[in-house]
Amino acid sequence: MSEELTYALLIDAENISSKYIKIILDELSNDGVATYRRIYGDWTNPANSAWKDVLLNYSVNPVQQYSYTQGKNASDSAMIIDAMDILYSGNVEGFCLVSSDSDFTRLASRLRESGKRVIGMGESKTPSAFISACNQFKYLDILYASSYEEKEKEPRELVKETPVKSARRKPLVKAVKPPVNNGSKFPDAEKILPVLLEPVKPEPLKPEASKSVSVKAEPVRAEQTRPEPQTKLSTIRRSLRSIISEGSNEEGWISLSKIGNQLAKRFPDFDVRNYGYSKLNQFIESLGDFDMDVITPGKDSKVQHIYFRNKLKQK
């Protein structure tokens, strides 16, 4: 079993929201271990106060960098200097640069030139130059939107409602005391019946009579436009046809693993989750342009080998 790669995680706090911290660490854990965890910003600036609440919980070390000039991002230089110091120390195999700023494009290229693996993370607005300079790039806003959609699909717990007590109303017929028997065998029925049958108008409910249960209404969420990756679906579709044509066997089939490796090399920002899928084979099959074949080595084997080919043109 090979050891996990070690990474230096460097975050630009002035360009990344604190709500992405869990996604950042979870995604990096899929590739290796973050031995360095540093975040750069001017912590005297109230705009960075949201980060202070999460740094301790996720063991990220803040690096203070004062903004000497208004409107200038002073933390960029500090982050670049630290990255080069870590590079020359030789303690890590890769770097994770978290920013949506194009100023780190040259840094990513320099780290790759030194044989280090570079993972970039930022929002979908990140300039394409920085994305192309990384070995792999992840869109934090798309991943965040996907995780939010998954939570919405989860079944919610049923809340037991408190029954509302109905207010007591007076009877529609007045209760009349029976007349005093003055010694006669039967009371005067002609005087009693009209009173008994007289309808009574219900009195309006008093505010104290009925206790209403206050139910907190869920806030109406405005429909948010799902962020889109910079690599369009049509571009991925054309590349898939090319990859299958160039790397397939005589019968036109190519393994799913080879397709995944080629897509990652051609498009650093490619991730099936960007297009609403969790597995690569599901994504390719959904395009409708390719045939899929699943081969199982044995009856009791749980291993499956998945192959794809371009659909044959019907004559």
Protein backbone atom coordinates (compact mmCIF):
# COMPACT_ATOMS: atom_id res chain seq x y z
CA MET A 1 0.00 0.00 0.00
CA SER A 2 1.45 3.34 -1.10
CA GLU A 3 1.67 6.21 1.32
CA GLU A 4 -0.59 9.21 0.90
CA LEU A 5 0.77 12.33 -0.73
CA THR A 6 1.54 15.25 1.55
CA TYR A 7 0.20 18.68 0.63
CA ALA A 8 0.64 22.27 1.68
CA LEU A 9 -2.79 23.90 1.92
CA LEU A 10 -2.57 27.66 1.33
CA ILE A 11 -5.80 29.71 1.41
CA ASP A 12 -6.34 33.29 0.30
CA ALA A 13 -8.92 34.50 2.84
CA GLU A 14 -9.62 37.71 0.92
CA ASN A 15 -10.94 35.82 -2.12
CA ILE A 16 -12.59 32.76 -0.59
CA SER A 17 -15.62 32.51 1.70
CA SER A 18 -15.39 30.68 5.01
CA LYS A 19 -18.44 28.55 4.13
CA TYR A 20 -16.22 26.46 1.83
CA ILE A 21 -13.80 25.29 4.52
CA LYS A 22 -15.30 21.82 4.96
CA ILE A 23 -15.45 21.21 1.22
CA ILE A 24 -11.83 22.31 0.86
CA LEU A 25 -10.56 19.87 3.47
CA ASP A 26 -12.80 17.03 2.32
CA GLU A 27 -11.71 17.36 -1.30
CA LEU A 28 -8.04 17.55 -0.40
CA SER A 29 -8.34 14.47 1.82
CA ASN A 30 -9.29 12.48 -1.30
CA ASP A 31 -5.82 13.16 -2.73
CA GLY A 32 -3.64 13.15 0.37
CA VAL A 33 -2.85 14.72 3.72
CA ALA A 34 -2.48 18.44 4.38
CA THR A 35 0.63 18.77 6.53
CA TYR A 36 0.63 22.57 6.15
CA ARG A 37 -2.61 24.45 6.75
CA ARG A 38 -2.23 28.18 6.40
CA ILE A 39 -4.62 30.98 5.57
CA TYR A 40 -3.57 34.52 4.67
CA GLY A 41 -5.37 37.80 5.27
CA ASP A 42 -5.63 41.00 7.22
CA TRP A 43 -7.36 39.81 10.39
CA THR A 44 -7.88 43.38 11.60
CA ASN A 45 -10.30 43.80 8.70
CA PRO A 46 -13.93 43.14 9.80
CA ALA A 47 -14.61 41.54 6.42
CA ASN A 48 -12.49 38.53 7.46
CA SER A 49 -14.22 38.05 10.82
CA ALA A 50 -16.23 35.08 9.52
CA TRP A 51 -13.01 33.11 9.09
CA LYS A 52 -12.01 33.57 12.73
CA ASP A 53 -14.88 31.36 13.90
CA VAL A 54 -13.80 28.34 11.85
CA LEU A 55 -10.00 28.45 12.00
CA LEU A 56 -9.77 26.83 15.43
CA ASN A 57 -12.29 24.11 14.63
CA TYR A 58 -10.43 23.03 11.50
CA SER A 59 -6.89 23.62 12.75
CA VAL A 60 -5.91 26.19 10.13
CA ASN A 61 -3.09 28.57 11.04
CA PRO A 62 -3.82 32.25 10.25
CA VAL A 63 -1.02 34.39 8.86
CA GLN A 64 -1.42 38.11 9.49
CA GLN A 65 -0.67 40.44 6.59
CA TYR A 66 -1.63 44.09 6.93
CA SER A 67 -3.12 45.89 3.95
CA TYR A 68 -0.68 48.75 3.46
CA THR A 69 -2.62 50.20 0.53
CA GLN A 70 -6.37 50.30 0.22
CA GLY A 71 -7.72 48.14 -2.59
CA LYS A 72 -4.55 46.02 -2.83
CA ASN A 73 -4.43 42.37 -1.78
CA ALA A 74 -1.31 42.27 0.41
CA SER A 75 -1.77 38.61 1.37
CA ASP A 76 -0.86 37.44 -2.15
CA SER A 77 2.83 38.22 -1.71
CA ALA A 78 2.99 36.55 1.71
CA MET A 79 1.31 33.44 0.34
CA ILE A 80 3.69 33.24 -2.62
CA ILE A 81 6.78 33.67 -0.41
CA ASP A 82 5.62 30.94 1.97
CA ALA A 83 4.88 28.61 -0.95
CA MET A 84 8.42 28.96 -2.25
CA ASP A 85 9.90 28.41 1.23
CA ILE A 86 7.87 25.21 1.58
CA LEU A 87 8.91 24.13 -1.92
CA TYR A 88 12.61 24.39 -1.10
CA SER A 89 12.13 22.61 2.23
CA GLY A 90 11.19 19.46 0.31
CA ASN A 91 8.64 18.36 2.90
CA VAL A 92 5.60 18.02 0.61
CA GLU A 93 4.71 16.36 -2.68
CA GLY A 94 2.01 18.80 -3.66
CA PHE A 95 0.31 22.14 -3.09
CA CYS A 96 -3.33 23.13 -2.78
CA LEU A 97 -3.85 26.78 -3.70
CA VAL A 98 -7.29 28.07 -2.72
CA SER A 99 -8.14 31.35 -4.43
CA SER A 100 -10.19 32.79 -7.28
CA ASP A 101 -7.41 35.26 -8.10
CA SER A 102 -5.37 35.04 -11.29
CA ASP A 103 -2.30 36.40 -9.45
CA PHE A 104 -1.38 32.83 -8.46
CA THR A 105 -1.11 31.60 -12.05
CA ARG A 106 2.67 31.97 -12.19
CA LEU A 107 3.05 30.37 -8.77
CA ALA A 108 1.09 27.31 -9.88
CA SER A 109 3.22 27.01 -13.02
CA ARG A 110 6.44 27.34 -11.03
CA LEU A 111 5.41 24.64 -8.57
CA ARG A 112 4.55 22.27 -11.41
CA GLU A 113 7.91 22.95 -13.02
CA SER A 114 9.50 21.67 -9.81
CA GLY A 115 7.62 18.40 -10.15
CA LYS A 116 4.98 19.14 -7.53
CA ARG A 117 1.33 18.31 -8.00
CA VAL A 118 -0.84 21.43 -7.82
CA ILE A 119 -4.53 21.35 -6.94
CA GLY A 120 -6.42 24.60 -7.36
CA MET A 121 -9.71 25.48 -5.72
CA GLY A 122 -11.88 28.51 -6.31
CA GLU A 123 -15.23 29.69 -7.58
CA SER A 124 -16.45 29.33 -11.16
CA LYS A 125 -15.45 32.95 -11.80
CA THR A 126 -11.75 31.98 -11.52
CA PRO A 127 -9.76 33.04 -14.61
CA SER A 128 -9.03 30.20 -17.00
CA ALA A 129 -5.28 30.94 -16.89
CA PHE A 130 -5.06 29.91 -13.23
CA ILE A 131 -7.22 26.82 -13.87
CA SER A 132 -4.98 25.67 -16.73
CA ALA A 133 -1.85 26.14 -14.60
CA CYS A 134 -3.05 23.52 -12.08
CA ASN A 135 -2.98 19.75 -12.42
CA GLN A 136 -6.52 19.69 -11.11
CA PHE A 137 -9.04 22.41 -10.30
CA LYS A 138 -12.22 22.19 -8.23
CA TYR A 139 -15.11 24.66 -8.31
CA LEU A 140 -16.07 25.31 -4.71
CA ASP A 141 -19.36 27.05 -5.46
CA ILE A 142 -20.56 24.14 -7.64
CA LEU A 143 -19.58 21.57 -5.03
CA TYR A 144 -21.27 23.67 -2.35
CA ALA A 145 -24.46 23.87 -4.42
CA SER A 146 -24.36 20.08 -5.00
CA SER A 147 -24.02 19.37 -1.28
CA TYR A 148 -26.92 21.73 -0.56
CA GLU A 149 -29.11 19.93 -3.11
CA GLU A 150 -28.28 16.58 -1.50
CA LYS A 151 -29.38 17.90 1.89
CA GLU A 152 -32.66 19.08 0.37
CA LYS A 153 -33.32 15.53 -0.90
CA GLU A 154 -32.87 14.00 2.55
CA PRO A 155 -36.15 13.17 4.34
CA ARG A 156 -37.00 15.69 7.00
CA GLU A 157 -38.09 14.76 10.50
CA LEU A 158 -41.79 15.10 11.12
CA VAL A 159 -42.57 17.68 13.78
CA LYS A 160 -45.47 16.77 16.05
CA GLU A 161 -47.93 19.58 15.94
CA THR A 162 -49.54 20.84 19.12
CA PRO A 163 -53.32 20.54 18.88
CA VAL A 164 -55.17 23.82 19.02
CA LYS A 165 -57.85 23.93 21.66
CA SER A 166 -61.15 25.03 20.22
CA ALA A 167 -62.95 27.86 21.96
CA ARG A 168 -66.09 27.05 23.86
CA ARG A 169 -69.25 28.42 22.39
CA LYS A 170 -72.49 28.97 24.15
CA PRO A 171 -75.27 26.56 23.21
CA LEU A 172 -77.62 27.67 20.48
CA VAL A 173 -80.59 27.13 22.77
CA LYS A 174 -80.90 28.92 26.06
CA ALA A 175 -81.08 26.84 29.16
CA VAL A 176 -84.26 27.84 30.86
CA LYS A 177 -85.08 27.00 34.44
CA PRO A 178 -88.26 25.01 34.71
CA PRO A 179 -91.17 27.09 35.92
CA VAL A 180 -92.19 26.76 39.49
CA ASN A 181 -95.03 24.38 39.83
CA ASN A 182 -97.79 26.32 41.49
CA GLY A 183 -99.67 23.20 42.32
CA SER A 184 -101.09 22.47 38.89
CA LYS A 185 -100.34 19.08 37.38
CA PHE A 186 -98.93 20.46 34.10
CA PRO A 187 -97.05 23.74 33.66
CA ASP A 188 -98.15 26.26 31.08
CA ALA A 189 -96.63 24.72 27.86
CA GLU A 190 -97.65 27.63 25.66
CA LYS A 191 -95.37 29.96 27.61
CA ILE A 192 -92.41 27.61 27.87
CA LEU A 193 -92.05 26.28 24.29
CA PRO A 194 -91.40 29.62 22.54
CA VAL A 195 -88.64 30.36 24.99
CA LEU A 196 -86.98 26.95 24.53
CA LEU A 197 -87.08 27.14 20.75
CA GLU A 198 -85.78 30.69 20.55
CA PRO A 199 -82.43 30.67 18.60
CA VAL A 200 -79.47 32.31 20.25
CA LYS A 201 -76.87 34.22 18.22
CA PRO A 202 -73.36 32.94 18.96
CA GLU A 203 -71.17 35.48 20.66
CA PRO A 204 -67.94 36.46 18.91
CA LEU A 205 -64.79 34.75 20.16
CA LYS A 206 -62.75 36.70 22.63
CA PRO A 207 -59.01 36.89 22.12
CA GLU A 208 -58.40 34.99 25.37
CA ALA A 209 -60.77 32.22 24.45
CA SER A 210 -58.56 30.67 21.80
CA LYS A 211 -54.83 30.14 22.10
CA SER A 212 -53.22 29.95 18.70
CA VAL A 213 -50.00 28.03 18.19
CA SER A 214 -47.32 30.09 16.49
CA VAL A 215 -45.59 28.10 13.75
CA LYS A 216 -42.37 29.40 12.30
CA ALA A 217 -42.67 29.53 8.56
CA GLU A 218 -39.60 28.43 6.63
CA PRO A 219 -37.97 31.32 4.85
CA VAL A 220 -38.73 31.40 1.17
CA ARG A 221 -35.48 30.81 -0.65
CA ALA A 222 -34.99 32.65 -3.86
CA GLU A 223 -34.23 30.37 -6.78
CA GLN A 224 -30.49 30.44 -7.16
CA THR A 225 -28.86 29.88 -10.51
CA ARG A 226 -26.62 26.85 -10.30
CA PRO A 227 -23.01 27.81 -11.12
CA GLU A 228 -21.64 26.30 -14.32
CA PRO A 229 -18.12 25.04 -15.03
CA GLN A 230 -16.04 26.84 -17.63
CA THR A 231 -15.60 23.67 -19.66
CA LYS A 232 -18.90 23.29 -21.51
CA LEU A 233 -20.70 19.99 -21.92
CA SER A 234 -20.39 20.18 -25.70
CA THR A 235 -16.60 20.40 -25.36
CA ILE A 236 -16.53 17.32 -23.12
CA ARG A 237 -18.72 15.43 -25.60
CA ARG A 238 -16.35 16.15 -28.51
CA SER A 239 -13.32 15.19 -26.44
CA LEU A 240 -14.92 11.90 -25.43
CA ARG A 241 -15.41 10.95 -29.06
CA SER A 242 -11.79 11.81 -29.77
CA ILE A 243 -10.45 9.91 -26.73
CA ILE A 244 -12.44 6.79 -27.60
CA SER A 245 -11.42 6.90 -31.26
CA GLU A 246 -7.73 7.32 -30.48
CA GLY A 247 -7.37 4.91 -27.53
CA SER A 248 -9.81 2.11 -28.33
CA ASN A 249 -9.00 -1.44 -29.40
CA GLU A 250 -9.79 -3.01 -32.77
CA GLU A 251 -13.45 -3.38 -31.86
CA GLY A 252 -13.70 0.24 -30.76
CA TRP A 253 -13.88 -0.36 -26.97
CA ILE A 254 -11.91 1.54 -24.32
CA SER A 255 -11.93 1.11 -20.53
CA LEU A 256 -13.60 3.63 -18.26
CA SER A 257 -10.38 4.20 -16.29
CA LYS A 258 -8.48 5.29 -19.42
CA ILE A 259 -11.25 7.69 -20.33
CA GLY A 260 -11.13 9.23 -16.85
CA ASN A 261 -7.35 9.65 -16.98
CA GLN A 262 -7.46 11.33 -20.37
CA LEU A 263 -10.25 13.72 -19.38
CA ALA A 264 -8.33 14.77 -16.25
CA LYS A 265 -5.23 15.50 -18.35
CA ARG A 266 -7.10 17.52 -20.96
CA PHE A 267 -9.36 19.45 -18.58
CA PRO A 268 -8.01 20.25 -15.08
CA ASP A 269 -11.49 21.41 -13.98
CA PHE A 270 -13.33 18.29 -15.15
CA ASP A 271 -15.46 16.67 -12.46
CA VAL A 272 -18.68 14.73 -13.09
CA ARG A 273 -20.23 16.48 -10.09
CA ASN A 274 -20.05 19.73 -12.05
CA TYR A 275 -22.68 18.26 -14.35
CA GLY A 276 -24.91 16.73 -11.69
CA TYR A 277 -23.55 13.15 -11.56
CA SER A 278 -21.67 11.15 -8.97
CA LYS A 279 -20.02 8.54 -11.24
CA LEU A 280 -18.21 8.85 -14.55
CA ASN A 281 -20.00 5.92 -16.21
CA GLN A 282 -23.39 7.46 -15.39
CA PHE A 283 -22.30 10.76 -16.87
CA ILE A 284 -21.02 9.23 -20.12
CA GLU A 285 -24.08 7.01 -20.49
CA SER A 286 -26.39 10.03 -20.03
CA LEU A 287 -24.91 11.72 -23.12
CA GLY A 288 -26.49 9.09 -25.36
CA ASP A 289 -23.62 9.03 -27.89
CA PHE A 290 -21.79 5.97 -26.57
CA ASP A 291 -22.38 2.24 -26.07
CA MET A 292 -21.51 0.73 -22.68
CA ASP A 293 -20.45 -2.82 -21.89
CA VAL A 294 -19.98 -4.25 -18.39
CA ILE A 295 -17.82 -7.35 -17.95
CA THR A 296 -17.75 -9.38 -14.72
CA PRO A 297 -14.76 -11.77 -14.40
CA GLY A 298 -16.71 -14.41 -12.43
CA LYS A 299 -20.18 -15.21 -11.19
CA ASP A 300 -19.36 -14.40 -7.58
CA SER A 301 -17.02 -11.52 -8.38
CA LYS A 302 -18.04 -8.05 -7.32
CA VAL A 303 -15.50 -6.45 -9.65
CA GLN A 304 -16.84 -4.98 -12.86
CA HIS A 305 -14.91 -3.75 -15.86
CA ILE A 306 -16.76 -1.02 -17.76
CA TYR A 307 -16.02 -0.21 -21.40
CA PHE A 308 -17.35 2.39 -23.82
CA ARG A 309 -17.31 2.91 -27.56
CA ASN A 310 -18.73 5.42 -29.99
CA LYS A 311 -22.16 4.42 -31.22
CA LEU A 312 -22.05 2.81 -34.62
CA LYS A 313 -23.76 4.77 -37.35
CA GLN A 314 -26.83 3.04 -38.65
CA LYS A 315 -26.74 2.32 -42.36
